[in-house]
């Protein structure tokens, strides 16, 4: 998919993963413009990619946005996410459904507001709707920019909870929904 000379597609090599990490590092701190909360390593991203390639947006060959793919098998790779996978596995809506987690989404600050979130998720749908029914993720309530962006592209809240670190909205996107 192309928009404004941006291509979206699956991760193809370690250079993509290294650029994901660099973008992640620039967005770990809290900001009203959006932020990410989990810091991954190259080894973890390589393991994710082996199980299920993530989706990236590239401009002139450089990653300017990403949406990490995390099937249930990735649960063992990131211990801090065990409670999230446990919670999702217990949701009635997802019972008997094929689902995976979008582990983190981030758009480079210079590219925000150009519809890239929608393009990343359209690519997720195009690549994975034949294997999965739902794409789900958690969003911190203190990240209103992300909540709004997800609502805009069709995610709906399927759960809400608080833990020791934050208040969370669990949102899902039905992948085979053609609306």
N, C-alpha and C. Protein backbone atom coordinates (compact mmCIF):
# COMPACT_ATOMS: atom_id res chain seq x y z
N UNK A 1 0.86 -1.17 0.00
CA UNK A 1 0.00 0.00 0.00
C UNK A 1 0.90 1.23 0.00
N UNK A 2 0.54 2.22 -0.79
CA UNK A 2 1.35 3.43 -0.87
C UNK A 2 0.50 4.66 -0.57
N UNK A 3 1.07 5.60 0.15
CA UNK A 3 0.43 6.89 0.43
C UNK A 3 1.54 7.89 0.68
N UNK A 4 1.51 8.99 -0.07
CA UNK A 4 2.55 10.01 0.10
C UNK A 4 3.95 9.42 0.00
N UNK A 5 4.18 8.56 -1.00
CA UNK A 5 5.49 7.92 -1.19
C UNK A 5 5.90 7.05 -0.01
N UNK A 6 4.91 6.51 0.71
CA UNK A 6 5.17 5.61 1.82
C UNK A 6 4.65 4.23 1.41
N UNK A 7 5.48 3.22 1.63
CA UNK A 7 5.09 1.84 1.37
C UNK A 7 4.88 1.14 2.70
N UNK A 8 3.81 0.37 2.81
CA UNK A 8 3.63 -0.46 3.99
C UNK A 8 3.73 -1.92 3.56
N UNK A 9 4.34 -2.70 4.42
CA UNK A 9 4.51 -4.12 4.14
C UNK A 9 5.10 -4.81 5.35
N UNK A 10 5.44 -6.06 5.16
CA UNK A 10 6.00 -6.85 6.25
C UNK A 10 7.49 -6.59 6.41
N UNK A 11 7.99 -6.77 7.63
CA UNK A 11 9.42 -6.71 7.90
C UNK A 11 10.11 -7.72 6.99
N UNK A 12 11.20 -7.30 6.38
CA UNK A 12 11.89 -8.21 5.46
C UNK A 12 13.32 -8.55 5.89
N UNK A 13 13.91 -7.75 6.77
CA UNK A 13 15.30 -8.03 7.18
C UNK A 13 15.61 -7.34 8.51
N UNK A 14 16.77 -7.67 9.05
CA UNK A 14 17.18 -7.11 10.34
C UNK A 14 17.31 -5.59 10.31
N UNK A 15 17.59 -5.00 9.17
CA UNK A 15 17.68 -3.54 9.09
C UNK A 15 16.34 -2.91 9.50
N UNK A 16 15.23 -3.52 9.05
CA UNK A 16 13.91 -3.04 9.48
C UNK A 16 13.78 -3.11 10.99
N UNK A 17 14.20 -4.23 11.57
CA UNK A 17 14.08 -4.42 13.02
C UNK A 17 14.94 -3.41 13.78
N UNK A 18 16.14 -3.15 13.28
CA UNK A 18 17.01 -2.15 13.92
C UNK A 18 16.38 -0.76 13.86
N UNK A 19 15.72 -0.44 12.75
CA UNK A 19 15.06 0.86 12.64
C UNK A 19 13.81 0.93 13.52
N UNK A 20 13.13 -0.19 13.70
CA UNK A 20 12.01 -0.23 14.64
C UNK A 20 12.52 0.12 16.04
N UNK A 21 13.62 -0.50 16.44
CA UNK A 21 14.18 -0.23 17.77
C UNK A 21 14.58 1.24 17.94
N UNK A 22 15.15 1.83 16.91
CA UNK A 22 15.54 3.24 16.99
C UNK A 22 14.31 4.13 17.16
N UNK A 23 13.26 3.85 16.41
CA UNK A 23 12.02 4.61 16.52
C UNK A 23 11.38 4.39 17.89
N UNK A 24 11.41 3.17 18.36
CA UNK A 24 10.89 2.86 19.70
C UNK A 24 11.62 3.68 20.76
N UNK A 25 12.94 3.73 20.69
CA UNK A 25 13.73 4.46 21.68
C UNK A 25 13.38 5.94 21.71
N UNK A 26 13.07 6.51 20.55
CA UNK A 26 12.73 7.93 20.48
C UNK A 26 11.35 8.22 21.06
N UNK A 27 10.55 7.19 21.31
CA UNK A 27 9.17 7.39 21.75
C UNK A 27 8.83 6.70 23.06
N UNK A 28 9.83 6.33 23.85
CA UNK A 28 9.57 5.66 25.13
C UNK A 28 9.08 6.61 26.22
N UNK A 29 9.41 7.86 26.12
CA UNK A 29 9.01 8.81 27.16
C UNK A 29 7.57 9.26 26.95
N UNK A 30 6.90 9.56 28.04
CA UNK A 30 5.52 10.04 27.97
C UNK A 30 5.46 11.35 27.20
N UNK A 31 4.47 11.44 26.33
CA UNK A 31 4.25 12.64 25.54
C UNK A 31 2.79 12.72 25.16
N UNK A 32 2.26 13.92 25.04
CA UNK A 32 0.88 14.09 24.58
C UNK A 32 0.74 13.67 23.12
N UNK A 33 1.86 13.58 22.40
CA UNK A 33 1.84 13.16 21.00
C UNK A 33 1.80 11.65 20.85
N UNK A 34 1.80 10.92 21.95
CA UNK A 34 1.81 9.46 21.91
C UNK A 34 3.13 8.93 22.43
N UNK A 35 3.11 7.67 22.85
CA UNK A 35 4.30 7.06 23.41
C UNK A 35 4.13 5.55 23.41
N UNK A 36 5.23 4.84 23.60
CA UNK A 36 5.21 3.39 23.73
C UNK A 36 5.68 3.04 25.14
N UNK A 37 5.27 1.86 25.62
CA UNK A 37 5.55 1.53 27.01
C UNK A 37 6.48 0.33 27.21
N UNK A 38 6.73 -0.47 26.20
CA UNK A 38 7.61 -1.64 26.35
C UNK A 38 8.83 -1.45 25.47
N UNK A 39 10.00 -1.72 26.05
CA UNK A 39 11.27 -1.59 25.36
C UNK A 39 11.74 -2.98 24.95
N UNK A 40 11.80 -3.26 23.65
CA UNK A 40 12.20 -4.57 23.15
C UNK A 40 13.69 -4.58 22.81
N UNK A 41 14.21 -5.77 22.53
CA UNK A 41 15.59 -5.93 22.07
C UNK A 41 15.55 -6.46 20.64
N UNK A 42 16.68 -6.40 19.96
CA UNK A 42 16.76 -6.94 18.62
C UNK A 42 16.45 -8.44 18.63
N UNK A 43 16.95 -9.14 19.62
CA UNK A 43 16.71 -10.59 19.70
C UNK A 43 15.22 -10.90 19.83
N UNK A 44 14.52 -10.12 20.65
CA UNK A 44 13.08 -10.33 20.81
C UNK A 44 12.36 -10.04 19.49
N UNK A 45 12.70 -8.93 18.84
CA UNK A 45 12.05 -8.61 17.56
C UNK A 45 12.35 -9.67 16.51
N UNK A 46 13.54 -10.21 16.51
CA UNK A 46 13.87 -11.29 15.57
C UNK A 46 13.00 -12.52 15.84
N UNK A 47 12.80 -12.82 17.11
CA UNK A 47 11.94 -13.96 17.47
C UNK A 47 10.49 -13.70 17.05
N UNK A 48 9.99 -12.48 17.28
CA UNK A 48 8.64 -12.12 16.82
C UNK A 48 8.55 -12.34 15.31
N UNK A 49 9.54 -11.81 14.58
CA UNK A 49 9.53 -11.87 13.12
C UNK A 49 9.52 -13.32 12.63
N UNK A 50 10.27 -14.19 13.30
CA UNK A 50 10.30 -15.60 12.91
C UNK A 50 8.92 -16.22 13.03
N UNK A 51 8.19 -15.86 14.07
CA UNK A 51 6.84 -16.41 14.28
C UNK A 51 5.80 -15.76 13.37
N UNK A 52 5.93 -14.44 13.17
CA UNK A 52 4.92 -13.69 12.41
C UNK A 52 5.48 -12.30 12.14
N UNK A 53 5.86 -12.02 10.89
CA UNK A 53 6.46 -10.71 10.60
C UNK A 53 5.54 -9.55 10.98
N UNK A 54 6.16 -8.51 11.50
CA UNK A 54 5.44 -7.28 11.83
C UNK A 54 5.25 -6.44 10.57
N UNK A 55 4.44 -5.39 10.70
CA UNK A 55 4.14 -4.50 9.58
C UNK A 55 4.89 -3.19 9.79
N UNK A 56 5.51 -2.70 8.73
CA UNK A 56 6.24 -1.44 8.79
C UNK A 56 5.79 -0.52 7.67
N UNK A 57 5.96 0.78 7.92
CA UNK A 57 5.78 1.80 6.89
C UNK A 57 7.17 2.33 6.57
N UNK A 58 7.50 2.40 5.29
CA UNK A 58 8.82 2.87 4.88
C UNK A 58 8.69 4.06 3.94
N UNK A 59 9.61 4.99 4.10
CA UNK A 59 9.74 6.12 3.17
C UNK A 59 11.20 6.14 2.74
N UNK A 60 11.42 6.05 1.44
CA UNK A 60 12.77 6.01 0.89
C UNK A 60 13.62 4.93 1.57
N UNK A 61 13.00 3.78 1.84
CA UNK A 61 13.70 2.64 2.42
C UNK A 61 13.88 2.68 3.91
N UNK A 62 13.46 3.75 4.57
CA UNK A 62 13.62 3.88 6.02
C UNK A 62 12.29 3.67 6.74
N UNK A 63 12.32 2.94 7.85
CA UNK A 63 11.12 2.69 8.64
C UNK A 63 10.69 3.97 9.33
N UNK A 64 9.45 4.38 9.06
CA UNK A 64 8.90 5.59 9.69
C UNK A 64 7.70 5.26 10.57
N UNK A 65 7.33 3.99 10.60
CA UNK A 65 6.23 3.54 11.45
C UNK A 65 6.21 2.03 11.49
N UNK A 66 5.64 1.50 12.56
CA UNK A 66 5.54 0.05 12.68
C UNK A 66 4.35 -0.33 13.54
N UNK A 67 3.89 -1.57 13.35
CA UNK A 67 2.86 -2.19 14.18
C UNK A 67 3.30 -3.64 14.38
N UNK A 68 3.77 -3.95 15.58
CA UNK A 68 4.35 -5.26 15.87
C UNK A 68 3.30 -6.36 15.92
N UNK A 69 3.61 -7.48 15.29
CA UNK A 69 2.74 -8.66 15.29
C UNK A 69 3.19 -9.60 16.39
N UNK A 70 2.23 -9.99 17.25
CA UNK A 70 2.56 -10.88 18.35
C UNK A 70 1.50 -11.98 18.48
N UNK A 71 1.72 -13.13 17.81
CA UNK A 71 0.80 -14.25 18.03
C UNK A 71 0.96 -14.77 19.46
N UNK A 72 0.04 -15.58 19.90
CA UNK A 72 0.07 -16.07 21.29
C UNK A 72 1.39 -16.74 21.65
N UNK A 73 2.09 -17.31 20.68
CA UNK A 73 3.37 -17.97 20.96
C UNK A 73 4.43 -17.00 21.46
N UNK A 74 4.27 -15.71 21.21
CA UNK A 74 5.27 -14.73 21.67
C UNK A 74 5.15 -14.48 23.17
N UNK A 75 4.09 -14.96 23.75
CA UNK A 75 3.85 -14.77 25.20
C UNK A 75 5.09 -15.14 26.02
N UNK A 76 5.75 -16.20 25.64
CA UNK A 76 6.91 -16.68 26.40
C UNK A 76 8.14 -15.79 26.24
N UNK A 77 8.15 -14.94 25.23
CA UNK A 77 9.33 -14.13 24.95
C UNK A 77 9.42 -12.84 25.76
N UNK A 78 8.28 -12.36 26.25
CA UNK A 78 8.24 -11.09 26.98
C UNK A 78 7.45 -11.31 28.27
N UNK A 79 8.13 -11.70 29.35
CA UNK A 79 7.43 -12.03 30.60
C UNK A 79 6.51 -10.93 31.11
N UNK A 80 6.85 -9.65 30.91
CA UNK A 80 6.00 -8.57 31.40
C UNK A 80 4.62 -8.59 30.73
N UNK A 81 4.52 -9.27 29.59
CA UNK A 81 3.24 -9.32 28.88
C UNK A 81 2.40 -10.56 29.21
N UNK A 82 2.91 -11.46 30.06
CA UNK A 82 2.13 -12.64 30.45
C UNK A 82 0.73 -12.28 30.94
N UNK A 83 0.60 -11.29 31.86
CA UNK A 83 -0.74 -10.95 32.34
C UNK A 83 -1.69 -10.49 31.23
N UNK A 84 -1.17 -9.77 30.24
CA UNK A 84 -2.01 -9.33 29.13
C UNK A 84 -2.52 -10.54 28.34
N UNK A 85 -1.64 -11.46 28.01
CA UNK A 85 -2.06 -12.64 27.26
C UNK A 85 -3.05 -13.47 28.07
N UNK A 86 -2.82 -13.60 29.38
CA UNK A 86 -3.76 -14.32 30.24
C UNK A 86 -5.13 -13.67 30.21
N UNK A 87 -5.15 -12.36 30.34
CA UNK A 87 -6.43 -11.62 30.35
C UNK A 87 -7.15 -11.79 29.01
N UNK A 88 -6.44 -11.61 27.91
CA UNK A 88 -7.05 -11.74 26.59
C UNK A 88 -7.60 -13.14 26.38
N UNK A 89 -6.83 -14.15 26.81
CA UNK A 89 -7.28 -15.53 26.67
C UNK A 89 -8.54 -15.84 27.45
N UNK A 90 -8.83 -15.04 28.47
CA UNK A 90 -10.03 -15.25 29.28
C UNK A 90 -11.24 -14.44 28.84
N UNK A 91 -11.11 -13.60 27.82
CA UNK A 91 -12.25 -12.79 27.36
C UNK A 91 -13.23 -13.62 26.56
N UNK A 92 -14.50 -13.55 26.94
CA UNK A 92 -15.54 -14.32 26.27
C UNK A 92 -15.60 -14.00 24.77
N UNK A 93 -15.42 -12.74 24.41
CA UNK A 93 -15.49 -12.34 23.00
C UNK A 93 -14.45 -13.07 22.15
N UNK A 94 -13.29 -13.35 22.73
CA UNK A 94 -12.22 -13.99 21.97
C UNK A 94 -12.23 -15.51 22.08
N UNK A 95 -13.08 -16.05 22.94
CA UNK A 95 -13.17 -17.49 23.12
C UNK A 95 -13.57 -18.16 21.80
N UNK A 96 -12.80 -19.13 21.38
CA UNK A 96 -13.08 -19.83 20.13
C UNK A 96 -12.71 -19.05 18.88
N UNK A 97 -12.12 -17.89 19.06
CA UNK A 97 -11.70 -17.05 17.94
C UNK A 97 -10.19 -17.17 17.74
N UNK A 98 -9.76 -16.90 16.54
CA UNK A 98 -8.32 -16.84 16.24
C UNK A 98 -7.91 -15.38 16.39
N UNK A 99 -6.97 -15.10 17.30
CA UNK A 99 -6.58 -13.72 17.54
C UNK A 99 -5.08 -13.61 17.76
N UNK A 100 -4.59 -12.42 17.53
CA UNK A 100 -3.21 -12.10 17.84
C UNK A 100 -3.16 -10.66 18.35
N UNK A 101 -2.02 -10.30 18.91
CA UNK A 101 -1.85 -8.99 19.53
C UNK A 101 -0.99 -8.11 18.63
N UNK A 102 -1.43 -6.88 18.47
CA UNK A 102 -0.56 -5.86 17.91
C UNK A 102 0.21 -5.35 19.12
N UNK A 103 1.48 -5.72 19.20
CA UNK A 103 2.27 -5.50 20.40
C UNK A 103 2.69 -4.07 20.65
N UNK A 104 2.69 -3.27 19.63
CA UNK A 104 3.07 -1.87 19.81
C UNK A 104 2.97 -1.21 18.43
N UNK A 105 2.47 0.00 18.41
CA UNK A 105 2.43 0.77 17.18
C UNK A 105 3.11 2.10 17.43
N UNK A 106 3.84 2.58 16.43
CA UNK A 106 4.53 3.85 16.59
C UNK A 106 4.74 4.46 15.20
N UNK A 107 4.50 5.74 15.11
CA UNK A 107 4.73 6.52 13.89
C UNK A 107 5.75 7.59 14.24
N UNK A 108 6.75 7.76 13.40
CA UNK A 108 7.73 8.83 13.59
C UNK A 108 6.99 10.16 13.70
N UNK A 109 7.43 10.99 14.62
CA UNK A 109 6.76 12.26 14.90
C UNK A 109 6.52 13.08 13.63
N UNK A 110 7.47 13.12 12.72
CA UNK A 110 7.34 13.93 11.49
C UNK A 110 6.26 13.39 10.55
N UNK A 111 5.82 12.16 10.76
CA UNK A 111 4.85 11.53 9.86
C UNK A 111 3.47 11.37 10.49
N UNK A 112 3.29 11.82 11.69
CA UNK A 112 2.00 11.66 12.37
C UNK A 112 0.94 12.55 11.72
N UNK A 113 -0.30 12.08 11.81
CA UNK A 113 -1.41 12.85 11.26
C UNK A 113 -1.60 12.68 9.76
N UNK A 114 -0.94 11.71 9.15
CA UNK A 114 -1.04 11.49 7.70
C UNK A 114 -1.76 10.19 7.34
N UNK A 115 -2.39 9.58 8.32
CA UNK A 115 -3.16 8.36 8.04
C UNK A 115 -2.35 7.08 8.04
N UNK A 116 -1.12 7.12 8.54
CA UNK A 116 -0.30 5.91 8.51
C UNK A 116 -0.80 4.80 9.42
N UNK A 117 -1.46 5.16 10.52
CA UNK A 117 -2.03 4.13 11.39
C UNK A 117 -3.01 3.28 10.59
N UNK A 118 -3.86 3.93 9.83
CA UNK A 118 -4.81 3.21 9.00
C UNK A 118 -4.13 2.33 7.97
N UNK A 119 -3.06 2.82 7.37
CA UNK A 119 -2.34 2.03 6.37
C UNK A 119 -1.66 0.82 7.01
N UNK A 120 -1.08 1.00 8.20
CA UNK A 120 -0.45 -0.13 8.89
C UNK A 120 -1.49 -1.21 9.20
N UNK A 121 -2.65 -0.79 9.70
CA UNK A 121 -3.67 -1.78 10.04
C UNK A 121 -4.32 -2.39 8.80
N UNK A 122 -4.43 -1.64 7.71
CA UNK A 122 -4.94 -2.22 6.46
C UNK A 122 -3.98 -3.31 5.98
N UNK A 123 -2.69 -3.11 6.18
CA UNK A 123 -1.72 -4.12 5.79
C UNK A 123 -1.81 -5.33 6.71
N UNK A 124 -2.02 -5.11 8.01
CA UNK A 124 -2.25 -6.24 8.92
C UNK A 124 -3.44 -7.05 8.41
N UNK A 125 -4.53 -6.39 8.10
CA UNK A 125 -5.73 -7.08 7.62
C UNK A 125 -5.44 -7.85 6.33
N UNK A 126 -4.77 -7.22 5.39
CA UNK A 126 -4.47 -7.86 4.11
C UNK A 126 -3.57 -9.09 4.28
N UNK A 127 -2.64 -9.01 5.21
CA UNK A 127 -1.68 -10.10 5.39
C UNK A 127 -2.18 -11.22 6.30
N UNK A 128 -3.07 -10.90 7.24
CA UNK A 128 -3.37 -11.89 8.28
C UNK A 128 -4.84 -12.24 8.47
N UNK A 129 -5.75 -11.65 7.72
CA UNK A 129 -7.18 -11.96 7.89
C UNK A 129 -7.52 -13.40 7.55
N UNK A 130 -6.71 -14.05 6.74
CA UNK A 130 -6.97 -15.45 6.42
C UNK A 130 -6.58 -16.39 7.56
N UNK A 131 -5.71 -15.93 8.46
CA UNK A 131 -5.24 -16.75 9.59
C UNK A 131 -5.89 -16.39 10.92
N UNK A 132 -6.41 -15.15 11.03
CA UNK A 132 -6.90 -14.67 12.32
C UNK A 132 -8.24 -13.95 12.15
N UNK A 133 -9.06 -14.01 13.21
CA UNK A 133 -10.35 -13.31 13.23
C UNK A 133 -10.22 -11.92 13.84
N UNK A 134 -9.35 -11.77 14.84
CA UNK A 134 -9.23 -10.53 15.60
C UNK A 134 -7.78 -10.11 15.74
N UNK A 135 -7.58 -8.81 15.70
CA UNK A 135 -6.34 -8.17 16.09
C UNK A 135 -6.66 -7.35 17.33
N UNK A 136 -5.94 -7.58 18.42
CA UNK A 136 -6.24 -6.89 19.68
C UNK A 136 -4.99 -6.20 20.22
N UNK A 137 -5.21 -5.18 21.02
CA UNK A 137 -4.10 -4.50 21.68
C UNK A 137 -4.61 -3.78 22.91
N UNK A 138 -3.68 -3.41 23.77
CA UNK A 138 -3.98 -2.59 24.95
C UNK A 138 -3.43 -1.20 24.74
N UNK A 139 -4.18 -0.22 25.21
CA UNK A 139 -3.73 1.17 25.10
C UNK A 139 -3.90 1.83 26.47
N UNK A 140 -2.85 2.47 26.93
CA UNK A 140 -2.92 3.20 28.19
C UNK A 140 -3.91 4.35 28.05
N UNK A 141 -4.79 4.51 29.03
CA UNK A 141 -5.77 5.59 29.01
C UNK A 141 -5.12 6.97 28.95
N UNK A 142 -3.88 7.07 29.43
CA UNK A 142 -3.20 8.36 29.40
C UNK A 142 -2.56 8.64 28.04
N UNK A 143 -2.90 7.82 27.04
CA UNK A 143 -2.40 8.01 25.68
C UNK A 143 -3.60 8.28 24.75
N UNK A 144 -4.26 9.43 24.92
CA UNK A 144 -5.48 9.70 24.15
C UNK A 144 -5.26 9.75 22.64
N UNK A 145 -4.08 10.15 22.21
CA UNK A 145 -3.81 10.19 20.76
C UNK A 145 -3.92 8.78 20.17
N UNK A 146 -3.38 7.79 20.85
CA UNK A 146 -3.45 6.41 20.37
C UNK A 146 -4.88 5.89 20.42
N UNK A 147 -5.58 6.17 21.51
CA UNK A 147 -6.98 5.73 21.61
C UNK A 147 -7.81 6.28 20.44
N UNK A 148 -7.66 7.55 20.15
CA UNK A 148 -8.40 8.19 19.06
C UNK A 148 -8.01 7.59 17.71
N UNK A 149 -6.72 7.38 17.49
CA UNK A 149 -6.26 6.81 16.22
C UNK A 149 -6.84 5.41 16.01
N UNK A 150 -6.89 4.61 17.07
CA UNK A 150 -7.43 3.26 16.95
C UNK A 150 -8.94 3.27 16.70
N UNK A 151 -9.65 4.14 17.37
CA UNK A 151 -11.09 4.26 17.13
C UNK A 151 -11.35 4.68 15.69
N UNK A 152 -10.55 5.59 15.18
CA UNK A 152 -10.72 6.10 13.82
C UNK A 152 -10.61 4.99 12.77
N UNK A 153 -9.77 3.98 13.02
CA UNK A 153 -9.59 2.92 12.02
C UNK A 153 -10.46 1.69 12.29
N UNK A 154 -11.37 1.78 13.27
CA UNK A 154 -12.34 0.72 13.47
C UNK A 154 -12.19 -0.16 14.68
N UNK A 155 -11.22 0.11 15.54
CA UNK A 155 -11.10 -0.67 16.77
C UNK A 155 -12.22 -0.29 17.72
N UNK A 156 -12.70 -1.27 18.48
CA UNK A 156 -13.69 -1.02 19.52
C UNK A 156 -13.17 -1.58 20.84
N UNK A 157 -13.60 -0.94 21.93
CA UNK A 157 -13.15 -1.41 23.25
C UNK A 157 -13.85 -2.73 23.56
N UNK A 158 -13.04 -3.72 23.95
CA UNK A 158 -13.58 -5.03 24.32
C UNK A 158 -13.33 -5.35 25.78
N UNK A 159 -12.52 -4.54 26.45
CA UNK A 159 -12.25 -4.73 27.87
C UNK A 159 -11.60 -3.45 28.40
N UNK A 160 -11.64 -3.30 29.70
CA UNK A 160 -11.06 -2.13 30.37
C UNK A 160 -10.65 -2.58 31.76
N UNK A 161 -9.45 -2.21 32.18
CA UNK A 161 -9.00 -2.58 33.52
C UNK A 161 -7.88 -1.66 33.98
N UNK A 162 -7.58 -1.76 35.26
CA UNK A 162 -6.46 -1.03 35.86
C UNK A 162 -5.51 -2.04 36.47
N UNK A 163 -4.23 -1.72 36.42
CA UNK A 163 -3.24 -2.52 37.13
C UNK A 163 -2.29 -1.58 37.86
N UNK A 164 -1.20 -2.09 38.36
CA UNK A 164 -0.27 -1.28 39.15
C UNK A 164 0.41 -0.20 38.32
N UNK A 165 0.44 -0.36 36.99
CA UNK A 165 1.16 0.60 36.17
C UNK A 165 0.27 1.61 35.47
N UNK A 166 -0.99 1.25 35.18
CA UNK A 166 -1.82 2.15 34.38
C UNK A 166 -3.27 1.69 34.35
N UNK A 167 -4.08 2.50 33.69
CA UNK A 167 -5.46 2.13 33.36
C UNK A 167 -5.46 1.84 31.87
N UNK A 168 -6.07 0.70 31.48
CA UNK A 168 -5.94 0.20 30.12
C UNK A 168 -7.28 0.02 29.43
N UNK A 169 -7.30 0.32 28.14
CA UNK A 169 -8.39 -0.06 27.26
C UNK A 169 -7.87 -1.18 26.39
N UNK A 170 -8.59 -2.28 26.36
CA UNK A 170 -8.27 -3.37 25.44
C UNK A 170 -9.20 -3.18 24.25
N UNK A 171 -8.60 -3.03 23.08
CA UNK A 171 -9.38 -2.76 21.88
C UNK A 171 -9.14 -3.86 20.85
N UNK A 172 -10.16 -4.12 20.04
CA UNK A 172 -10.04 -5.16 19.03
C UNK A 172 -10.54 -4.68 17.68
N UNK A 173 -9.96 -5.25 16.65
CA UNK A 173 -10.34 -5.00 15.27
C UNK A 173 -10.69 -6.33 14.65
N UNK A 174 -11.95 -6.47 14.22
CA UNK A 174 -12.39 -7.70 13.55
C UNK A 174 -11.77 -7.68 12.16
N UNK A 175 -10.90 -8.64 11.86
CA UNK A 175 -10.13 -8.60 10.63
C UNK A 175 -10.95 -8.93 9.39
N UNK A 176 -11.96 -9.75 9.54
CA UNK A 176 -12.75 -10.10 8.37
C UNK A 176 -14.01 -9.26 8.26
N UNK A 177 -14.05 -8.17 9.02
CA UNK A 177 -15.15 -7.21 8.94
C UNK A 177 -14.92 -6.33 7.71
N UNK A 178 -15.86 -6.30 6.81
CA UNK A 178 -15.65 -5.59 5.55
C UNK A 178 -16.25 -4.20 5.54
N UNK A 179 -16.66 -3.68 6.71
CA UNK A 179 -17.26 -2.35 6.73
C UNK A 179 -16.29 -1.29 6.36
